[in-house]
């Protein structure tokens, strides 16, 4: 929110609500009325949906610094997905009234939303391509590249705290298969794997990785 002027920042700080969500718990649920815009202060959140017959699909993972839910707020419709904390997470909730006030009063905020919506569309296209055309190694690479998007998550930096099990939840792969993919990407010089974290060495190479 650095692009906001001082009075706008003051109101946002006053209106924001902070919530701690334990690992495995819902941040918000499909079908709920939309009352807030959600930001991840710390932790990791999975955005997904489960059909009536139990089939699930994961759309994105949201690391620290990311916001989500603006589309549902703009359309004023019930939420169309679940958001689940993959690890203990601190979540910021911006009330609908504050979100709408910024829309009406801040050109920089509107510009930020346009960029965010455009990047989300790109993520959706990349996810469809990954799921339908690419193998597991490329799926892991593209999933990581999405979470290191500098426009959506400008404060993240090159290192992300994420376990192989959490990456498996986001890609729909087993932890063992994720480990194989990470070792391959590490040998190619695209990233470094540490216990509980990954450091990206070449974001462009991750984005374009194909098997």
Foldseek 3Di string as FASTA:
>chain_A
DVQDDDVLVVVQVVQKDKDKDAAFDWPDAFQAFDWWKKAWQAAKKWKKAADPVGDIATQAMEHHQAIDDVVCLVVRGTHHTIIGTNHTTMMITHGSVSVVVCVVPPPVVVVLVVVVVVLSVVSNVLQVCCVPPADDLLLLLQRVLSNVPCSRRVPPAQKDQAALCRSCVNSVHHSVSSVVSVVVCVVVVQWDDDHRMIGGDNSVCSNPDGD
